[in-house]
């Protein structure tokens, strides 16, 4: 799936693409490089790393995903270093 192929909604295309990848069966959490590669497998996915971080912050602030740092939920307004993204759990 490319950013252009993402489903239509009120969210920007990259946000839709991130949520679509995370919603795939069997997907837990993914790092930004894993997400970028899933979104643009044949393209220059490296250029998506910063936009993914920005989109992740917006999605986390809206409660649509969780940013994990060292296995724990991180504050979307204040996190550094390596992080993973996952959908909120509904158990």
N, C-alpha and C. Protein backbone atom coordinates (compact mmCIF):
# COMPACT_ATOMS: atom_id res chain seq x y z
N UNK A 1 0.85 -1.18 0.00
CA UNK A 1 0.00 0.00 0.00
C UNK A 1 0.89 1.23 0.00
N UNK A 2 0.61 2.14 -0.88
CA UNK A 2 1.33 3.40 -0.87
C UNK A 2 0.47 4.46 -0.21
N UNK A 3 1.07 5.58 0.11
CA UNK A 3 0.32 6.66 0.75
C UNK A 3 -0.86 7.06 -0.13
N UNK A 4 -0.66 7.05 -1.45
CA UNK A 4 -1.72 7.46 -2.35
C UNK A 4 -2.87 6.44 -2.38
N UNK A 5 -2.62 5.17 -2.04
CA UNK A 5 -3.63 4.13 -2.08
C UNK A 5 -4.42 4.01 -0.79
N UNK A 6 -4.12 4.83 0.21
CA UNK A 6 -4.76 4.69 1.51
C UNK A 6 -6.24 5.04 1.41
N UNK A 7 -7.05 4.45 2.31
CA UNK A 7 -8.48 4.72 2.27
C UNK A 7 -8.78 6.18 2.54
N UNK A 8 -9.86 6.66 1.97
CA UNK A 8 -10.25 8.06 2.14
C UNK A 8 -10.93 8.27 3.49
N UNK A 9 -10.54 9.33 4.18
CA UNK A 9 -11.20 9.74 5.41
C UNK A 9 -10.84 11.19 5.65
N UNK A 10 -11.19 11.70 6.82
CA UNK A 10 -10.86 13.08 7.12
C UNK A 10 -9.40 13.25 7.55
N UNK A 11 -8.72 12.15 7.85
CA UNK A 11 -7.31 12.20 8.25
C UNK A 11 -6.43 12.37 7.02
N UNK A 12 -5.26 13.00 7.20
CA UNK A 12 -4.31 13.07 6.08
C UNK A 12 -3.91 11.67 5.62
N UNK A 13 -3.53 11.52 4.35
CA UNK A 13 -3.21 10.20 3.80
C UNK A 13 -2.15 9.42 4.59
N UNK A 14 -1.11 10.09 5.09
CA UNK A 14 -0.08 9.36 5.83
C UNK A 14 -0.66 8.80 7.13
N UNK A 15 -1.49 9.56 7.81
CA UNK A 15 -2.12 9.07 9.03
C UNK A 15 -2.98 7.84 8.72
N UNK A 16 -3.75 7.90 7.64
CA UNK A 16 -4.56 6.75 7.23
C UNK A 16 -3.68 5.54 6.94
N UNK A 17 -2.56 5.77 6.26
CA UNK A 17 -1.66 4.67 5.91
C UNK A 17 -1.05 4.04 7.17
N UNK A 18 -0.65 4.87 8.14
CA UNK A 18 -0.09 4.35 9.40
C UNK A 18 -1.12 3.48 10.10
N UNK A 19 -2.34 3.97 10.22
CA UNK A 19 -3.39 3.22 10.91
C UNK A 19 -3.73 1.93 10.16
N UNK A 20 -3.72 1.98 8.84
CA UNK A 20 -4.01 0.78 8.05
C UNK A 20 -2.94 -0.29 8.26
N UNK A 21 -1.68 0.11 8.29
CA UNK A 21 -0.60 -0.87 8.52
C UNK A 21 -0.71 -1.46 9.92
N UNK A 22 -0.94 -0.61 10.92
CA UNK A 22 -1.04 -1.10 12.30
C UNK A 22 -2.26 -1.99 12.50
N UNK A 23 -3.29 -1.83 11.67
CA UNK A 23 -4.51 -2.63 11.80
C UNK A 23 -4.42 -3.99 11.12
N UNK A 24 -3.33 -4.27 10.43
CA UNK A 24 -3.18 -5.56 9.76
C UNK A 24 -3.18 -6.68 10.79
N UNK A 25 -3.84 -7.79 10.49
CA UNK A 25 -3.86 -8.92 11.44
C UNK A 25 -2.45 -9.35 11.84
N UNK A 26 -2.27 -9.61 13.12
CA UNK A 26 -1.00 -10.08 13.63
C UNK A 26 0.03 -8.99 13.89
N UNK A 27 -0.34 -7.74 13.65
CA UNK A 27 0.59 -6.64 13.87
C UNK A 27 0.45 -6.14 15.30
N UNK A 28 1.56 -6.08 16.00
CA UNK A 28 1.57 -5.52 17.35
C UNK A 28 2.02 -4.08 17.27
N UNK A 29 3.26 -3.85 17.67
CA UNK A 29 3.83 -2.51 17.54
C UNK A 29 4.88 -2.53 16.44
N UNK A 30 5.08 -1.38 15.82
CA UNK A 30 6.08 -1.26 14.76
C UNK A 30 6.92 -0.02 14.99
N UNK A 31 8.17 -0.09 14.58
CA UNK A 31 9.04 1.07 14.64
C UNK A 31 8.74 1.95 13.42
N UNK A 32 9.23 3.18 13.46
CA UNK A 32 9.05 4.09 12.32
C UNK A 32 9.65 3.51 11.04
N UNK A 33 10.87 2.95 11.07
CA UNK A 33 11.40 2.36 9.83
C UNK A 33 10.54 1.19 9.32
N UNK A 34 10.02 0.37 10.23
CA UNK A 34 9.16 -0.74 9.79
C UNK A 34 7.89 -0.21 9.14
N UNK A 35 7.30 0.82 9.73
CA UNK A 35 6.11 1.44 9.14
C UNK A 35 6.42 2.06 7.79
N UNK A 36 7.51 2.82 7.72
CA UNK A 36 7.88 3.48 6.47
C UNK A 36 8.09 2.46 5.36
N UNK A 37 8.75 1.37 5.67
CA UNK A 37 8.98 0.33 4.67
C UNK A 37 7.67 -0.32 4.25
N UNK A 38 6.74 -0.51 5.18
CA UNK A 38 5.44 -1.09 4.85
C UNK A 38 4.61 -0.16 3.97
N UNK A 39 4.74 1.14 4.19
CA UNK A 39 3.98 2.13 3.42
C UNK A 39 4.57 2.32 2.03
N UNK A 40 5.87 2.37 1.93
CA UNK A 40 6.57 2.57 0.64
C UNK A 40 7.62 1.49 0.43
N UNK A 41 7.20 0.23 0.20
CA UNK A 41 8.17 -0.86 0.09
C UNK A 41 9.14 -0.74 -1.08
N UNK A 42 8.72 -0.10 -2.16
CA UNK A 42 9.58 0.00 -3.33
C UNK A 42 10.15 1.39 -3.53
N UNK A 43 9.79 2.32 -2.67
CA UNK A 43 10.23 3.70 -2.83
C UNK A 43 11.27 4.08 -1.80
N UNK A 44 11.51 5.36 -1.70
CA UNK A 44 12.47 5.88 -0.72
C UNK A 44 11.74 6.08 0.59
N UNK A 45 11.63 5.01 1.36
CA UNK A 45 10.90 5.06 2.63
C UNK A 45 11.63 5.86 3.69
N UNK A 46 12.93 6.09 3.52
CA UNK A 46 13.69 6.88 4.50
C UNK A 46 13.12 8.29 4.66
N UNK A 47 12.61 8.84 3.57
CA UNK A 47 12.04 10.18 3.60
C UNK A 47 10.74 10.27 4.39
N UNK A 48 10.17 9.12 4.76
CA UNK A 48 8.94 9.11 5.54
C UNK A 48 9.16 9.14 7.04
N UNK A 49 10.39 8.96 7.51
CA UNK A 49 10.62 8.82 8.94
C UNK A 49 10.19 10.04 9.75
N UNK A 50 10.55 11.22 9.36
CA UNK A 50 10.14 12.41 10.09
C UNK A 50 8.63 12.67 9.93
N UNK A 51 8.07 12.56 8.73
CA UNK A 51 6.62 12.72 8.61
C UNK A 51 5.84 11.69 9.44
N UNK A 52 6.36 10.46 9.55
CA UNK A 52 5.69 9.45 10.37
C UNK A 52 5.71 9.89 11.83
N UNK A 53 6.82 10.41 12.28
CA UNK A 53 6.89 10.88 13.68
C UNK A 53 5.86 11.99 13.93
N UNK A 54 5.78 12.95 13.02
CA UNK A 54 4.81 14.04 13.17
C UNK A 54 3.38 13.51 13.17
N UNK A 55 3.09 12.60 12.24
CA UNK A 55 1.75 12.02 12.16
C UNK A 55 1.44 11.20 13.40
N UNK A 56 2.44 10.48 13.90
CA UNK A 56 2.25 9.67 15.11
C UNK A 56 1.90 10.54 16.31
N UNK A 57 2.55 11.67 16.43
CA UNK A 57 2.25 12.59 17.53
C UNK A 57 0.81 13.07 17.42
N UNK A 58 0.39 13.47 16.23
CA UNK A 58 -0.99 13.93 16.04
C UNK A 58 -1.99 12.82 16.34
N UNK A 59 -1.71 11.61 15.87
CA UNK A 59 -2.61 10.48 16.12
C UNK A 59 -2.65 10.12 17.60
N UNK A 60 -1.52 10.18 18.27
CA UNK A 60 -1.48 9.87 19.70
C UNK A 60 -2.23 10.93 20.50
N UNK A 61 -2.09 12.18 20.13
CA UNK A 61 -2.82 13.25 20.81
C UNK A 61 -4.32 13.08 20.64
N UNK A 62 -4.73 12.50 19.52
CA UNK A 62 -6.15 12.26 19.25
C UNK A 62 -6.63 10.94 19.86
N UNK A 63 -5.71 10.17 20.47
CA UNK A 63 -6.08 8.90 21.08
C UNK A 63 -6.24 7.76 20.11
N UNK A 64 -5.71 7.90 18.89
CA UNK A 64 -5.88 6.88 17.85
C UNK A 64 -4.74 5.88 17.79
N UNK A 65 -3.62 6.19 18.43
CA UNK A 65 -2.52 5.23 18.55
C UNK A 65 -1.72 5.55 19.79
N UNK A 66 -0.84 4.62 20.15
CA UNK A 66 0.01 4.77 21.33
C UNK A 66 1.46 4.79 20.87
N UNK A 67 2.22 5.73 21.41
CA UNK A 67 3.67 5.78 21.17
C UNK A 67 4.32 5.08 22.36
N UNK A 68 5.14 4.08 22.08
CA UNK A 68 5.83 3.33 23.13
C UNK A 68 7.31 3.66 23.12
N UNK A 69 7.85 3.84 24.29
CA UNK A 69 9.29 4.05 24.47
C UNK A 69 9.73 3.08 25.54
N UNK A 70 10.66 2.20 25.20
CA UNK A 70 11.15 1.17 26.12
C UNK A 70 10.01 0.33 26.67
N UNK A 71 9.03 0.04 25.81
CA UNK A 71 7.92 -0.84 26.18
C UNK A 71 6.79 -0.20 26.95
N UNK A 72 6.92 1.08 27.25
CA UNK A 72 5.88 1.78 28.02
C UNK A 72 5.30 2.91 27.20
N UNK A 73 4.01 3.23 27.41
CA UNK A 73 3.43 4.38 26.71
C UNK A 73 4.22 5.65 27.02
N UNK A 74 4.45 6.44 25.99
CA UNK A 74 5.22 7.68 26.13
C UNK A 74 4.30 8.88 25.92
N UNK A 75 4.69 9.98 26.49
CA UNK A 75 3.98 11.24 26.30
C UNK A 75 4.22 11.69 24.86
N UNK A 76 3.18 11.83 24.04
CA UNK A 76 3.40 12.21 22.64
C UNK A 76 4.02 13.60 22.49
N UNK A 77 3.92 14.41 23.53
CA UNK A 77 4.50 15.76 23.47
C UNK A 77 5.94 15.82 23.96
N UNK A 78 6.45 14.68 24.48
CA UNK A 78 7.79 14.71 25.07
C UNK A 78 8.41 13.31 25.07
N UNK A 79 8.91 12.88 23.92
CA UNK A 79 9.62 11.60 23.86
C UNK A 79 10.80 11.75 22.91
N UNK A 80 11.82 10.97 23.17
CA UNK A 80 13.03 11.01 22.35
C UNK A 80 13.48 9.60 22.02
N UNK A 81 14.37 9.51 21.06
CA UNK A 81 15.01 8.25 20.75
C UNK A 81 14.12 7.27 20.02
N UNK A 82 14.46 6.00 20.20
CA UNK A 82 13.77 4.91 19.51
C UNK A 82 12.37 4.75 20.11
N UNK A 83 11.40 4.60 19.24
CA UNK A 83 10.02 4.43 19.69
C UNK A 83 9.30 3.44 18.78
N UNK A 84 8.20 2.93 19.27
CA UNK A 84 7.35 2.03 18.50
C UNK A 84 5.94 2.56 18.56
N UNK A 85 5.13 2.18 17.59
CA UNK A 85 3.76 2.64 17.52
C UNK A 85 2.81 1.45 17.52
N UNK A 86 1.69 1.60 18.18
CA UNK A 86 0.68 0.55 18.21
C UNK A 86 -0.70 1.15 18.37
N UNK A 87 -1.69 0.37 18.02
CA UNK A 87 -3.08 0.81 18.20
C UNK A 87 -3.46 0.67 19.66
N UNK A 88 -4.39 1.51 20.13
CA UNK A 88 -4.86 1.35 21.51
C UNK A 88 -5.52 -0.02 21.68
N UNK A 89 -5.31 -0.61 22.82
CA UNK A 89 -5.93 -1.91 23.12
C UNK A 89 -7.31 -1.69 23.68
N UNK A 90 -8.22 -2.55 23.29
CA UNK A 90 -9.60 -2.45 23.77
C UNK A 90 -9.98 -3.74 24.48
N UNK A 91 -9.25 -4.09 25.58
CA UNK A 91 -9.62 -5.31 26.31
C UNK A 91 -10.32 -5.01 27.59
